[in-house]
């Protein structure tokens, strides 16, 4: 994870990790970020363009779509929601306990 100088987006470079691991890492990352923070997820997993919007829908974060900021690598953007819904820590594709 890195944050570019000048208040740019927080970047999570997923490398070649699968979406399951990426969502676990993303869940941990966004938990500590202020609402409105932009997050860029660099992901080689072909499921990322499907899984990330679905996860955002589940949690309430705003999916902003693909970004070309890291071309030729695939990357996707989201904005952290103030009222995000929790998910299970080890299974971030499942709603968390309330």
Protein backbone atom coordinates (compact mmCIF):
# COMPACT_ATOMS: atom_id res chain seq x y z
CA UNK A 1 0.00 0.00 0.00
CA UNK A 2 1.23 3.48 -0.73
CA UNK A 3 -0.08 7.01 -0.80
CA UNK A 4 1.38 9.33 -3.41
CA UNK A 5 2.66 12.71 -2.30
CA UNK A 6 0.15 15.51 -2.71
CA UNK A 7 -2.85 13.73 -1.23
CA UNK A 8 -3.46 11.37 -4.15
CA UNK A 9 -5.23 8.04 -3.87
CA UNK A 10 -4.13 5.27 -1.57
CA UNK A 11 -2.75 2.48 -3.76
CA UNK A 12 -3.01 -1.23 -3.05
CA UNK A 13 -0.82 -3.15 -5.48
CA UNK A 14 -2.31 -6.62 -5.63
CA UNK A 15 0.34 -8.01 -7.93
CA UNK A 16 -0.73 -11.45 -9.07
CA UNK A 17 -2.77 -12.28 -5.95
CA UNK A 18 -6.28 -13.63 -6.42
CA UNK A 19 -9.34 -11.52 -5.63
CA UNK A 20 -10.04 -13.49 -2.44
CA UNK A 21 -6.76 -12.30 -0.92
CA UNK A 22 -7.15 -8.83 -2.42
CA UNK A 23 -10.56 -8.34 -0.85
CA UNK A 24 -9.21 -9.38 2.56
CA UNK A 25 -6.39 -6.83 2.20
CA UNK A 26 -8.74 -4.17 0.83
CA UNK A 27 -11.16 -4.66 3.72
CA UNK A 28 -8.35 -4.09 6.22
CA UNK A 29 -7.10 -1.07 4.30
CA UNK A 30 -10.38 0.83 3.98
CA UNK A 31 -11.28 0.23 7.63
CA UNK A 32 -8.64 2.76 8.67
CA UNK A 33 -9.25 5.38 5.99
CA UNK A 34 -11.39 8.51 6.26
CA UNK A 35 -14.61 8.70 4.24
CA UNK A 36 -14.13 10.01 0.73
CA UNK A 37 -10.59 8.65 0.40
CA UNK A 38 -9.89 7.35 -3.10
CA UNK A 39 -8.34 3.89 -3.28
CA UNK A 40 -6.73 2.44 -6.39
CA UNK A 41 -6.44 -1.34 -6.52
CA UNK A 42 -3.95 -2.71 -9.03
CA UNK A 43 -5.03 -6.27 -9.83
CA UNK A 44 -4.02 -8.83 -12.43
CA UNK A 45 -6.80 -11.25 -11.46
CA UNK A 46 -9.33 -11.40 -14.33
CA UNK A 47 -12.15 -11.59 -11.76
CA UNK A 48 -11.31 -8.16 -10.30
CA UNK A 49 -13.59 -6.14 -12.63
CA UNK A 50 -16.49 -8.34 -11.46
CA UNK A 51 -15.60 -8.89 -7.81
CA UNK A 52 -14.66 -5.34 -6.87
CA UNK A 53 -17.93 -3.67 -7.98
CA UNK A 54 -19.88 -6.47 -6.26
CA UNK A 55 -17.88 -5.99 -3.04
CA UNK A 56 -18.48 -2.23 -3.18
CA UNK A 57 -22.21 -2.86 -3.63
CA UNK A 58 -22.17 -5.20 -0.61
CA UNK A 59 -20.25 -2.81 1.63
CA UNK A 60 -21.57 0.55 0.45
CA UNK A 61 -18.24 1.90 -0.81
CA UNK A 62 -18.46 3.70 -4.15
CA UNK A 63 -17.00 1.85 -7.12
CA UNK A 64 -15.48 4.45 -9.44
CA UNK A 65 -14.48 2.04 -12.22
CA UNK A 66 -11.27 1.23 -14.02
CA UNK A 67 -8.43 3.72 -14.02
CA UNK A 68 -5.64 3.98 -16.57
CA UNK A 69 -3.26 5.58 -14.06
CA UNK A 70 -1.09 2.44 -13.92
CA UNK A 71 -1.28 1.32 -17.57
CA UNK A 72 -0.54 -1.16 -18.89
CA UNK A 73 -1.46 -2.77 -15.54
CA UNK A 74 -5.17 -3.12 -14.76
CA UNK A 75 -6.37 -0.93 -11.89
CA UNK A 76 -9.72 -0.02 -10.38
CA UNK A 77 -10.83 2.89 -8.21
CA UNK A 78 -13.22 3.20 -5.30
CA UNK A 79 -14.12 5.82 -2.72
CA UNK A 80 -14.41 4.95 0.96
CA UNK A 81 -17.94 5.38 2.31
CA UNK A 82 -18.75 7.04 5.63
CA UNK A 83 -21.48 4.52 6.41
CA UNK A 84 -19.91 1.35 5.00
CA UNK A 85 -21.35 -1.98 6.03
CA UNK A 86 -18.98 -4.42 7.71
CA UNK A 87 -17.97 -7.79 6.32
CA UNK A 88 -16.44 -10.87 7.90
CA UNK A 89 -12.70 -10.37 8.44
CA UNK A 90 -11.69 -13.66 6.84
CA UNK A 91 -14.50 -13.68 4.26
CA UNK A 92 -15.05 -10.09 3.10
CA UNK A 93 -17.63 -11.22 0.59
CA UNK A 94 -19.97 -12.11 3.52
CA UNK A 95 -21.79 -9.50 5.61
CA UNK A 96 -20.25 -9.03 9.04
CA UNK A 97 -21.85 -9.36 12.44
CA UNK A 98 -23.92 -6.40 13.47
